[in-house]
PDB file of N, CA and C in Angstrom:
ATOM      1  N   MET A   1     107.399 106.894  95.397  1.00  0.00           N
ATOM      2  CA  MET A   1     106.707 108.158  95.283  1.00  0.00           C
ATOM      3  C   MET A   1     107.581 109.088  94.445  1.00  0.00           C
ATOM      4  N   SER A   2     107.043 109.606  93.365  1.00  0.00           N
ATOM      5  CA  SER A   2     107.810 110.497  92.508  1.00  0.00           C
ATOM      6  C   SER A   2     107.932 111.871  93.147  1.00  0.00           C
ATOM      7  N   GLN A   3     108.922 112.628  92.683  1.00  0.00           N
ATOM      8  CA  GLN A   3     109.182 113.947  93.256  1.00  0.00           C
ATOM      9  C   GLN A   3     107.951 114.835  93.104  1.00  0.00           C
ATOM     10  N   GLY A   4     107.584 115.494  94.182  1.00  0.00           N
ATOM     11  CA  GLY A   4     106.437 116.390  94.149  1.00  0.00           C
ATOM     12  C   GLY A   4     105.110 115.709  94.410  1.00  0.00           C
ATOM     13  N   GLN A   5     105.082 114.407  94.457  1.00  0.00           N
ATOM     14  CA  GLN A   5     103.837 113.693  94.710  1.00  0.00           C
ATOM     15  C   GLN A   5     103.432 113.870  96.167  1.00  0.00           C
ATOM     16  N   ARG A   6     102.157 114.080  96.400  1.00  0.00           N
ATOM     17  CA  ARG A   6     101.639 114.237  97.753  1.00  0.00           C
ATOM     18  C   ARG A   6     100.624 113.147  98.038  1.00  0.00           C
ATOM     19  N   ILE A   7     100.675 112.645  99.253  1.00  0.00           N
ATOM     20  CA  ILE A   7      99.695 111.667  99.700  1.00  0.00           C
ATOM     21  C   ILE A   7      99.014 112.249 100.925  1.00  0.00           C
ATOM     22  N   ALA A   8      97.691 112.362 100.866  1.00  0.00           N
ATOM     23  CA  ALA A   8      96.930 112.889 101.997  1.00  0.00           C
ATOM     24  C   ALA A   8      96.570 111.744 102.939  1.00  0.00           C
ATOM     25  N   TYR A   9      96.766 111.950 104.221  1.00  0.00           N
ATOM     26  CA  TYR A   9      96.451 110.932 105.211  1.00  0.00           C
ATOM     27  C   TYR A   9      95.277 111.339 106.091  1.00  0.00           C
ATOM     28  N   GLY A  10      95.300 112.532 106.639  1.00  0.00           N
ATOM     29  CA  GLY A  10      94.199 113.000 107.480  1.00  0.00           C
ATOM     30  C   GLY A  10      93.907 112.072 108.647  1.00  0.00           C
ATOM     31  N   LYS A  11      94.930 111.746 109.427  1.00  0.00           N
ATOM     32  CA  LYS A  11      94.719 110.850 110.558  1.00  0.00           C
ATOM     33  C   LYS A  11      95.710 111.160 111.668  1.00  0.00           C
ATOM     34  N   LEU A  12      95.378 110.736 112.854  1.00  0.00           N
ATOM     35  CA  LEU A  12      96.253 110.864 114.007  1.00  0.00           C
ATOM     36  C   LEU A  12      97.424 109.897 113.850  1.00  0.00           C
ATOM     37  N   VAL A  13      98.617 110.382 114.160  1.00  0.00           N
ATOM     38  CA  VAL A  13      99.805 109.533 114.082  1.00  0.00           C
ATOM     39  C   VAL A  13     100.583 109.628 115.391  1.00  0.00           C
ATOM     40  N   ARG A  14     101.445 108.653 115.603  1.00  0.00           N
ATOM     41  CA  ARG A  14     102.312 108.656 116.786  1.00  0.00           C
ATOM     42  C   ARG A  14     103.255 109.859 116.737  1.00  0.00           C
ATOM     43  N   ASP A  15     103.721 110.268 117.907  1.00  0.00           N
ATOM     44  CA  ASP A  15     104.510 111.495 118.063  1.00  0.00           C
ATOM     45  C   ASP A  15     105.769 111.562 117.200  1.00  0.00           C
ATOM     46  N   ARG A  16     106.406 110.438 116.984  1.00  0.00           N
ATOM     47  CA  ARG A  16     107.678 110.457 116.256  1.00  0.00           C
ATOM     48  C   ARG A  16     107.543 110.243 114.755  1.00  0.00           C
ATOM     49  N   ILE A  17     106.323 110.048 114.270  1.00  0.00           N
ATOM     50  CA  ILE A  17     106.135 109.793 112.830  1.00  0.00           C
ATOM     51  C   ILE A  17     106.654 110.945 111.960  1.00  0.00           C
ATOM     52  N   PRO A  18     106.370 112.205 112.291  1.00  0.00           N
ATOM     53  CA  PRO A  18     106.940 113.276 111.448  1.00  0.00           C
ATOM     54  C   PRO A  18     108.468 113.234 111.390  1.00  0.00           C
ATOM     55  N   GLU A  19     109.114 112.956 112.505  1.00  0.00           N
ATOM     56  CA  GLU A  19     110.573 112.836 112.569  1.00  0.00           C
ATOM     57  C   GLU A  19     111.057 111.701 111.667  1.00  0.00           C
ATOM     58  N   ILE A  20     110.355 110.591 111.690  1.00  0.00           N
ATOM     59  CA  ILE A  20     110.726 109.432 110.868  1.00  0.00           C
ATOM     60  C   ILE A  20     110.547 109.751 109.385  1.00  0.00           C
ATOM     61  N   ILE A  21     109.482 110.456 109.052  1.00  0.00           N
ATOM     62  CA  ILE A  21     109.235 110.867 107.662  1.00  0.00           C
ATOM     63  C   ILE A  21     110.346 111.794 107.182  1.00  0.00           C
ATOM     64  N   GLU A  22     110.689 112.779 108.013  1.00  0.00           N
ATOM     65  CA  GLU A  22     111.747 113.735 107.664  1.00  0.00           C
ATOM     66  C   GLU A  22     113.091 113.017 107.488  1.00  0.00           C
ATOM     67  N   ALA A  23     113.371 112.022 108.337  1.00  0.00           N
ATOM     68  CA  ALA A  23     114.620 111.271 108.235  1.00  0.00           C
ATOM     69  C   ALA A  23     114.708 110.497 106.924  1.00  0.00           C
ATOM     70  N   ALA A  24     113.548 110.206 106.330  1.00  0.00           N
ATOM     71  CA  ALA A  24     113.511 109.501 105.046  1.00  0.00           C
ATOM     72  C   ALA A  24     113.598 110.475 103.870  1.00  0.00           C
ATOM     73  N   GLY A  25     113.847 111.761 104.184  1.00  0.00           N
ATOM     74  CA  GLY A  25     114.004 112.749 103.115  1.00  0.00           C
ATOM     75  C   GLY A  25     112.703 113.307 102.575  1.00  0.00           C
ATOM     76  N   LYS A  26     111.621 113.104 103.285  1.00  0.00           N
ATOM     77  CA  LYS A  26     110.312 113.600 102.853  1.00  0.00           C
ATOM     78  C   LYS A  26     109.880 114.720 103.790  1.00  0.00           C
ATOM     79  N   THR A  27     108.832 115.401 103.423  1.00  0.00           N
ATOM     80  CA  THR A  27     108.312 116.495 104.240  1.00  0.00           C
ATOM     81  C   THR A  27     106.939 116.110 104.774  1.00  0.00           C
ATOM     82  N   ALA A  28     106.789 116.216 106.082  1.00  0.00           N
ATOM     83  CA  ALA A  28     105.505 115.899 106.723  1.00  0.00           C
ATOM     84  C   ALA A  28     104.807 117.205 107.096  1.00  0.00           C
ATOM     85  N   MET A  29     103.597 117.370 106.660  1.00  0.00           N
ATOM     86  CA  MET A  29     102.778 118.521 107.045  1.00  0.00           C
ATOM     87  C   MET A  29     101.864 118.057 108.177  1.00  0.00           C
ATOM     88  N   VAL A  30     102.077 118.602 109.372  1.00  0.00           N
ATOM     89  CA  VAL A  30     101.299 118.201 110.534  1.00  0.00           C
ATOM     90  C   VAL A  30     100.750 119.432 111.239  1.00  0.00           C
ATOM     91  N   ARG A  31      99.768 119.209 112.076  1.00  0.00           N
ATOM     92  CA  ARG A  31      99.252 120.246 112.959  1.00  0.00           C
ATOM     93  C   ARG A  31      98.874 119.589 114.271  1.00  0.00           C
ATOM     94  N   VAL A  32      98.785 120.380 115.319  1.00  0.00           N
ATOM     95  CA  VAL A  32      98.406 119.870 116.632  1.00  0.00           C
ATOM     96  C   VAL A  32      96.889 119.989 116.754  1.00  0.00           C
ATOM     97  N   LEU A  33      96.244 118.889 117.110  1.00  0.00           N
ATOM     98  CA  LEU A  33      94.794 118.888 117.261  1.00  0.00           C
ATOM     99  C   LEU A  33      94.386 119.700 118.482  1.00  0.00           C
ATOM    100  N   ASP A  34      93.243 120.365 118.369  1.00  0.00           N
ATOM    101  CA  ASP A  34      92.724 121.056 119.552  1.00  0.00           C
ATOM    102  C   ASP A  34      91.912 120.057 120.380  1.00  0.00           C
ATOM    103  N   GLU A  35      91.510 120.482 121.560  1.00  0.00           N
ATOM    104  CA  GLU A  35      90.806 119.596 122.496  1.00  0.00           C
ATOM    105  C   GLU A  35      89.560 118.959 121.875  1.00  0.00           C
ATOM    106  N   ALA A  36      88.799 119.732 121.122  1.00  0.00           N
ATOM    107  CA  ALA A  36      87.557 119.220 120.540  1.00  0.00           C
ATOM    108  C   ALA A  36      87.809 118.150 119.482  1.00  0.00           C
ATOM    109  N   GLU A  37      88.972 118.170 118.862  1.00  0.00           N
ATOM    110  CA  GLU A  37      89.292 117.203 117.808  1.00  0.00           C
ATOM    111  C   GLU A  37      89.912 115.911 118.331  1.00  0.00           C
ATOM    112  N   LEU A  38      90.450 115.960 119.538  1.00  0.00           N
ATOM    113  CA  LEU A  38      91.282 114.850 120.010  1.00  0.00           C
ATOM    114  C   LEU A  38      90.510 113.555 120.267  1.00  0.00           C
ATOM    115  N   VAL A  39      89.409 113.604 120.983  1.00  0.00           N
ATOM    116  CA  VAL A  39      88.661 112.361 121.271  1.00  0.00           C
ATOM    117  C   VAL A  39      88.142 111.722 119.986  1.00  0.00           C
ATOM    118  N   PRO A  40      87.527 112.489 119.063  1.00  0.00           N
ATOM    119  CA  PRO A  40      87.117 111.848 117.808  1.00  0.00           C
ATOM    120  C   PRO A  40      88.292 111.253 117.028  1.00  0.00           C
ATOM    121  N   ALA A  41      89.445 111.928 117.054  1.00  0.00           N
ATOM    122  CA  ALA A  41      90.612 111.400 116.346  1.00  0.00           C
ATOM    123  C   ALA A  41      91.118 110.113 116.996  1.00  0.00           C
ATOM    124  N   LEU A  42      91.128 110.081 118.312  1.00  0.00           N
ATOM    125  CA  LEU A  42      91.573 108.872 119.012  1.00  0.00           C
ATOM    126  C   LEU A  42      90.601 107.716 118.808  1.00  0.00           C
ATOM    127  N   THR A  43      89.308 107.982 118.811  1.00  0.00           N
ATOM    128  CA  THR A  43      88.359 106.889 118.587  1.00  0.00           C
ATOM    129  C   THR A  43      88.438 106.379 117.150  1.00  0.00           C
ATOM    130  N   ALA A  44      88.689 107.281 116.197  1.00  0.00           N
ATOM    131  CA  ALA A  44      88.897 106.843 114.810  1.00  0.00           C
ATOM    132  C   ALA A  44      90.171 106.003 114.716  1.00  0.00           C
ATOM    133  N   LYS A  45      91.213 106.406 115.440  1.00  0.00           N
ATOM    134  CA  LYS A  45      92.466 105.659 115.438  1.00  0.00           C
ATOM    135  C   LYS A  45      92.268 104.274 116.057  1.00  0.00           C
ATOM    136  N   LEU A  46      91.453 104.210 117.105  1.00  0.00           N
ATOM    137  CA  LEU A  46      91.168 102.923 117.730  1.00  0.00           C
ATOM    138  C   LEU A  46      90.480 101.984 116.737  1.00  0.00           C
ATOM    139  N   ALA A  47      89.525 102.507 115.979  1.00  0.00           N
ATOM    140  CA  ALA A  47      88.848 101.692 114.958  1.00  0.00           C
ATOM    141  C   ALA A  47      89.838 101.244 113.877  1.00  0.00           C
ATOM    142  N   GLU A  48      90.720 102.153 113.468  1.00  0.00           N
ATOM    143  CA  GLU A  48      91.739 101.819 112.466  1.00  0.00           C
ATOM    144  C   GLU A  48      92.645 100.696 112.967  1.00  0.00           C
ATOM    145  N   GLU A  49      93.105 100.832 114.200  1.00  0.00           N
ATOM    146  CA  GLU A  49      94.005  99.817 114.760  1.00  0.00           C
ATOM    147  C   GLU A  49      93.283  98.487 114.966  1.00  0.00           C
ATOM    148  N   ALA A  50      92.016  98.526 115.360  1.00  0.00           N
ATOM    149  CA  ALA A  50      91.246  97.286 115.526  1.00  0.00           C
ATOM    150  C   ALA A  50      91.096  96.575 114.182  1.00  0.00           C
ATOM    151  N   GLU A  51      90.867  97.328 113.121  1.00  0.00           N
ATOM    152  CA  GLU A  51      90.758  96.724 111.789  1.00  0.00           C
ATOM    153  C   GLU A  51      92.100  96.136 111.361  1.00  0.00           C
ATOM    154  N   GLU A  52      93.195  96.820 111.683  1.00  0.00           N
ATOM    155  CA  GLU A  52      94.513  96.278 111.357  1.00  0.00           C
ATOM    156  C   GLU A  52      94.765  94.977 112.115  1.00  0.00           C
ATOM    157  N   LEU A  53      94.329  94.907 113.360  1.00  0.00           N
ATOM    158  CA  LEU A  53      94.452  93.662 114.121  1.00  0.00           C
ATOM    159  C   LEU A  53      93.615  92.564 113.478  1.00  0.00           C
ATOM    160  N   ARG A  54      92.403  92.909 113.067  1.00  0.00           N
ATOM    161  CA  ARG A  54      91.516  91.922 112.439  1.00  0.00           C
ATOM    162  C   ARG A  54      92.154  91.315 111.196  1.00  0.00           C
ATOM    163  N   GLN A  55      92.898  92.117 110.454  1.00  0.00           N
ATOM    164  CA  GLN A  55      93.504  91.655 109.211  1.00  0.00           C
ATOM    165  C   GLN A  55      94.921  91.094 109.392  1.00  0.00           C
ATOM    166  N   ALA A  56      95.491  91.256 110.577  1.00  0.00           N
ATOM    167  CA  ALA A  56      96.889  90.862 110.809  1.00  0.00           C
ATOM    168  C   ALA A  56      97.063  89.356 110.824  1.00  0.00           C
ATOM    169  N   GLY A  57      98.206  88.943 110.354  1.00  0.00           N
ATOM    170  CA  GLY A  57      98.597  87.543 110.469  1.00  0.00           C
ATOM    171  C   GLY A  57      99.162  87.284 111.853  1.00  0.00           C
ATOM    172  N   PRO A  58      99.382  86.021 112.181  1.00  0.00           N
ATOM    173  CA  PRO A  58      99.869  85.667 113.518  1.00  0.00           C
ATOM    174  C   PRO A  58     101.136  86.405 113.945  1.00  0.00           C
ATOM    175  N   ASP A  59     102.057  86.654 113.037  1.00  0.00           N
ATOM    176  CA  ASP A  59     103.314  87.309 113.393  1.00  0.00           C
ATOM    177  C   ASP A  59     103.154  88.800 113.672  1.00  0.00           C
ATOM    178  N   ASP A  60     102.050  89.390 113.237  1.00  0.00           N
ATOM    179  CA  ASP A  60     101.838  90.835 113.396  1.00  0.00           C
ATOM    180  C   ASP A  60     100.857  91.187 114.507  1.00  0.00           C
ATOM    181  N   ARG A  61     100.238  90.207 115.104  1.00  0.00           N
ATOM    182  CA  ARG A  61      99.179  90.480 116.085  1.00  0.00           C
ATOM    183  C   ARG A  61      99.682  91.192 117.339  1.00  0.00           C
ATOM    184  N   LEU A  62     100.837  90.834 117.836  1.00  0.00           N
ATOM    185  CA  LEU A  62     101.347  91.476 119.043  1.00  0.00           C
ATOM    186  C   LEU A  62     101.569  92.970 118.813  1.00  0.00           C
ATOM    187  N   GLY A  63     102.155  93.323 117.691  1.00  0.00           N
ATOM    188  CA  GLY A  63     102.364  94.734 117.365  1.00  0.00           C
ATOM    189  C   GLY A  63     101.062  95.491 117.237  1.00  0.00           C
ATOM    190  N   GLU A  64     100.066  94.864 116.648  1.00  0.00           N
ATOM    191  CA  GLU A  64      98.761  95.518 116.506  1.00  0.00           C
ATOM    192  C   GLU A  64      98.086  95.671 117.868  1.00  0.00           C
ATOM    193  N   LEU A  65      98.214  94.667 118.723  1.00  0.00           N
ATOM    194  CA  LEU A  65      97.687  94.791 120.088  1.00  0.00           C
ATOM    195  C   LEU A  65      98.378  95.924 120.838  1.00  0.00           C
ATOM    196  N   ALA A  66      99.688  96.074 120.623  1.00  0.00           N
ATOM    197  CA  ALA A  66     100.433  97.166 121.255  1.00  0.00           C
ATOM    198  C   ALA A  66      99.920  98.522 120.776  1.00  0.00           C
ATOM    199  N   ASP A  67      99.594  98.622 119.487  1.00  0.00           N
ATOM    200  CA  ASP A  67      99.042  99.871 118.957  1.00  0.00           C
ATOM    201  C   ASP A  67      97.696 100.186 119.606  1.00  0.00           C
ATOM    202  N   ILE A  68      96.849  99.182 119.729  1.00  0.00           N
ATOM    203  CA  ILE A  68      95.545  99.373 120.373  1.00  0.00           C
ATOM    204  C   ILE A  68      95.740  99.803 121.819  1.00  0.00           C
ATOM    205  N   HIS A  69      96.665  99.162 122.505  1.00  0.00           N
ATOM    206  CA  HIS A  69      96.954  99.505 123.899  1.00  0.00           C
ATOM    207  C   HIS A  69      97.389 100.972 124.013  1.00  0.00           C
ATOM    208  N   GLU A  70      98.249 101.415 123.116  1.00  0.00           N
ATOM    209  CA  GLU A  70      98.738 102.799 123.136  1.00  0.00           C
ATOM    210  C   GLU A  70      97.592 103.791 122.938  1.00  0.00           C
ATOM    211  N   VAL A  71      96.695 103.484 122.007  1.00  0.00           N
ATOM    212  CA  VAL A  71      95.545 104.368 121.768  1.00  0.00           C
ATOM    213  C   VAL A  71      94.620 104.362 122.984  1.00  0.00           C
ATOM    214  N   LEU A  72      94.390 103.196 123.570  1.00  0.00           N
ATOM    215  CA  LEU A  72      93.535 103.123 124.762  1.00  0.00           C
ATOM    216  C   LEU A  72      94.128 103.907 125.928  1.00  0.00           C
ATOM    217  N   MET A  73      95.445 103.850 126.089  1.00  0.00           N
ATOM    218  CA  MET A  73      96.080 104.628 127.159  1.00  0.00           C
ATOM    219  C   MET A  73      95.899 106.125 126.919  1.00  0.00           C
ATOM    220  N   ALA A  74      96.043 106.550 125.674  1.00  0.00           N
ATOM    221  CA  ALA A  74      95.862 107.973 125.351  1.00  0.00           C
ATOM    222  C   ALA A  74      94.415 108.397 125.588  1.00  0.00           C
ATOM    223  N   LEU A  75      93.464 107.578 125.160  1.00  0.00           N
ATOM    224  CA  LEU A  75      92.045 107.885 125.383  1.00  0.00           C
ATOM    225  C   LEU A  75      91.715 107.944 126.867  1.00  0.00           C
ATOM    226  N   THR A  76      92.257 107.014 127.623  1.00  0.00           N
ATOM    227  CA  THR A  76      92.033 106.982 129.068  1.00  0.00           C
ATOM    228  C   THR A  76      92.464 108.313 129.692  1.00  0.00           C
ATOM    229  N   GLU A  77      93.647 108.765 129.336  1.00  0.00           N
ATOM    230  CA  GLU A  77      94.170 110.015 129.878  1.00  0.00           C
ATOM    231  C   GLU A  77      93.351 111.223 129.429  1.00  0.00           C
ATOM    232  N   VAL A  78      93.063 111.299 128.143  1.00  0.00           N
ATOM    233  CA  VAL A  78      92.323 112.447 127.601  1.00  0.00           C
ATOM    234  C   VAL A  78      90.921 112.539 128.194  1.00  0.00           C
ATOM    235  N   LEU A  79      90.307 111.395 128.465  1.00  0.00           N
ATOM    236  CA  LEU A  79      88.960 111.388 129.032  1.00  0.00           C
ATOM    237  C   LEU A  79      88.960 111.587 130.547  1.00  0.00           C
ATOM    238  N   GLY A  80      90.142 111.700 131.125  1.00  0.00           N
ATOM    239  CA  GLY A  80      90.245 112.021 132.539  1.00  0.00           C
ATOM    240  C   GLY A  80      90.161 110.839 133.486  1.00  0.00           C
ATOM    241  N   PHE A  81      90.440 109.653 132.981  1.00  0.00           N
ATOM    242  CA  PHE A  81      90.420 108.454 133.817  1.00  0.00           C
ATOM    243  C   PHE A  81      91.839 107.977 134.079  1.00  0.00           C
ATOM    244  N   SER A  82      91.990 107.173 135.098  1.00  0.00           N
ATOM    245  CA  SER A  82      93.280 106.526 135.348  1.00  0.00           C
ATOM    246  C   SER A  82      93.206 105.101 134.813  1.00  0.00           C
ATOM    247  N   GLY A  83      94.364 104.526 134.617  1.00  0.00           N
ATOM    248  CA  GLY A  83      94.407 103.127 134.204  1.00  0.00           C
ATOM    249  C   GLY A  83      93.733 102.233 135.218  1.00  0.00           C
ATOM    250  N   GLU A  84      93.906 102.538 136.494  1.00  0.00           N
ATOM    251  CA  GLU A  84      93.268 101.745 137.549  1.00  0.00           C
ATOM    252  C   GLU A  84      91.747 101.850 137.475  1.00  0.00           C
ATOM    253  N   GLN A  85      91.222 103.023 137.159  1.00  0.00           N
ATOM    254  CA  GLN A  85      89.767 103.172 137.026  1.00  0.00           C
ATOM    255  C   GLN A  85      89.239 102.302 135.884  1.00  0.00           C
ATOM    256  N   VAL A  86      89.954 102.262 134.789  1.00  0.00           N
ATOM    257  CA  VAL A  86      89.526 101.434 133.653  1.00  0.00           C
ATOM    258  C   VAL A  86      89.614  99.954 134.020  1.00  0.00           C
ATOM    259  N   ARG A  87      90.695  99.558 134.680  1.00  0.00           N
ATOM    260  CA  ARG A  87      90.826  98.151 135.099  1.00  0.00           C
ATOM    261  C   ARG A  87      89.703  97.762 136.062  1.00  0.00           C
ATOM    262  N   GLU A  88      89.364  98.657 137.002  1.00  0.00           N
ATOM    263  CA  GLU A  88      88.282  98.378 137.955  1.00  0.00           C
ATOM    264  C   GLU A  88      86.937  98.281 137.241  1.00  0.00           C
ATOM    265  N   ALA A  89      86.689  99.165 136.299  1.00  0.00           N
ATOM    266  CA  ALA A  89      85.442  99.099 135.520  1.00  0.00           C
ATOM    267  C   ALA A  89      85.374  97.782 134.744  1.00  0.00           C
ATOM    268  N   ALA A  90      86.502  97.343 134.207  1.00  0.00           N
ATOM    269  CA  ALA A  90      86.551  96.066 133.491  1.00  0.00           C
ATOM    270  C   ALA A  90      86.276  94.906 134.444  1.00  0.00           C
ATOM    271  N   ARG A  91      86.837  94.969 135.653  1.00  0.00           N
ATOM    272  CA  ARG A  91      86.580  93.911 136.641  1.00  0.00           C
ATOM    273  C   ARG A  91      85.091  93.851 136.995  1.00  0.00           C
ATOM    274  N   ARG A  92      84.482  95.017 137.201  1.00  0.00           N
ATOM    275  CA  ARG A  92      83.042  95.046 137.518  1.00  0.00           C
ATOM    276  C   ARG A  92      82.214  94.457 136.381  1.00  0.00           C
ATOM    277  N   LYS A  93      82.514  94.846 135.149  1.00  0.00           N
ATOM    278  CA  LYS A  93      81.769  94.305 134.001  1.00  0.00           C
ATOM    279  C   LYS A  93      81.966  92.799 133.878  1.00  0.00           C
ATOM    280  N   ARG A  94      83.195  92.332 134.109  1.00  0.00           N
ATOM    281  CA  ARG A  94      83.468  90.900 134.032  1.00  0.00           C
ATOM    282  C   ARG A  94      82.669  90.153 135.089  1.00  0.00           C
ATOM    283  N   THR A  95      82.556  90.732 136.297  1.00  0.00           N
ATOM    284  CA  THR A  95      81.782  90.102 137.368  1.00  0.00           C
ATOM    285  C   THR A  95      80.296  90.086 137.019  1.00  0.00           C
ATOM    286  N   GLU A  96      79.782  91.187 136.496  1.00  0.00           N
ATOM    287  CA  GLU A  96      78.358  91.303 136.187  1.00  0.00           C
ATOM    288  C   GLU A  96      77.943  90.545 134.924  1.00  0.00           C
ATOM    289  N   ARG A  97      78.766  90.612 133.886  1.00  0.00           N
ATOM    290  CA  ARG A  97      78.360  90.090 132.577  1.00  0.00           C
ATOM    291  C   ARG A  97      79.265  88.975 132.051  1.00  0.00           C
ATOM    292  N   GLY A  98      80.356  88.737 132.756  1.00  0.00           N
ATOM    293  CA  GLY A  98      81.298  87.712 132.322  1.00  0.00           C
ATOM    294  C   GLY A  98      82.361  88.297 131.412  1.00  0.00           C
ATOM    295  N   GLY A  99      83.312  87.438 131.076  1.00  0.00           N
ATOM    296  CA  GLY A  99      84.376  87.822 130.151  1.00  0.00           C
ATOM    297  C   GLY A  99      84.132  87.160 128.811  1.00  0.00           C
ATOM    298  N   PHE A 100      85.185  86.706 128.191  1.00  0.00           N
ATOM    299  CA  PHE A 100      85.069  86.052 126.885  1.00  0.00           C
ATOM    300  C   PHE A 100      85.769  84.703 126.866  1.00  0.00           C
ATOM    301  N   SER A 101      86.079  84.165 128.033  1.00  0.00           N
ATOM    302  CA  SER A 101      86.848  82.922 128.099  1.00  0.00           C
ATOM    303  C   SER A 101      86.067  81.696 127.628  1.00  0.00           C
ATOM    304  N   HIS A 102      84.748  81.756 127.653  1.00  0.00           N
ATOM    305  CA  HIS A 102      83.943  80.602 127.218  1.00  0.00           C
ATOM    306  C   HIS A 102      83.718  80.582 125.701  1.00  0.00           C
ATOM    307  N   ARG A 103      84.175  81.619 125.001  1.00  0.00           N
ATOM    308  CA  ARG A 103      84.117  81.686 123.530  1.00  0.00           C
ATOM    309  C   ARG A 103      82.697  81.551 122.985  1.00  0.00           C
ATOM    310  N   LEU A 104      81.733  82.155 123.646  1.00  0.00           N
ATOM    311  CA  LEU A 104      80.328  82.034 123.259  1.00  0.00           C
ATOM    312  C   LEU A 104      80.010  82.938 122.068  1.00  0.00           C
ATOM    313  N   TRP A 105      79.304  82.383 121.098  1.00  0.00           N
ATOM    314  CA  TRP A 105      78.850  83.115 119.915  1.00  0.00           C
ATOM    315  C   TRP A 105      77.342  83.076 119.930  1.00  0.00           C
ATOM    316  N   LEU A 106      76.675  84.209 119.987  1.00  0.00           N
ATOM    317  CA  LEU A 106      75.214  84.277 120.043  1.00  0.00           C
ATOM    318  C   LEU A 106      74.675  84.309 118.618  1.00  0.00           C
ATOM    319  N   ASP A 107      73.992  83.254 118.213  1.00  0.00           N
ATOM    320  CA  ASP A 107      73.428  83.194 116.860  1.00  0.00           C
ATOM    321  C   ASP A 107      72.097  83.915 116.781  1.00  0.00           C
ATOM    322  N   GLU A 108      71.220  83.691 117.750  1.00  0.00           N
ATOM    323  CA  GLU A 108      69.921  84.364 117.704  1.00  0.00           C
ATOM    324  C   GLU A 108      69.234  84.236 119.051  1.00  0.00           C
ATOM    325  N   VAL A 109      68.188  85.037 119.207  1.00  0.00           N
ATOM    326  CA  VAL A 109      67.345  85.000 120.410  1.00  0.00           C
ATOM    327  C   VAL A 109      65.898  84.922 119.927  1.00  0.00           C
ATOM    328  N   SER A 110      65.129  84.013 120.485  1.00  0.00           N
ATOM    329  CA  SER A 110      63.715  83.864 120.129  1.00  0.00           C
ATOM    330  C   SER A 110      62.839  84.208 121.299  1.00  0.00           C
ATOM    331  N   GLU A 111      61.628  84.677 121.002  1.00  0.00           N
ATOM    332  CA  GLU A 111      60.639  84.934 122.061  1.00  0.00           C
ATOM    333  C   GLU A 111      59.625  83.821 122.071  1.00  0.00           C
TER     334      GLU A 111
END
């Protein structure tokens, strides 16, 4: 990046990213999101991280899963749920609709 060059990101980042940017001799322009902006930003971040997982190679998948986990934990808290509530909801859905262990792919449904 040449001197004076700016790159716009417009996305939610982890708490220490501005510190890491500054340590690299660059300037990070950040702001704190208000309550109304936070859930949309977290859901956009979840989509971003899911796409990164989709494109990741085998050696990068664990890190991408960790990123998704971090975003899910933040969303859980912001939406007013506990981790246990989410785990229980997942257990109920698994009981009612199953999980993904059978690797089923639905091609079509006919009447």
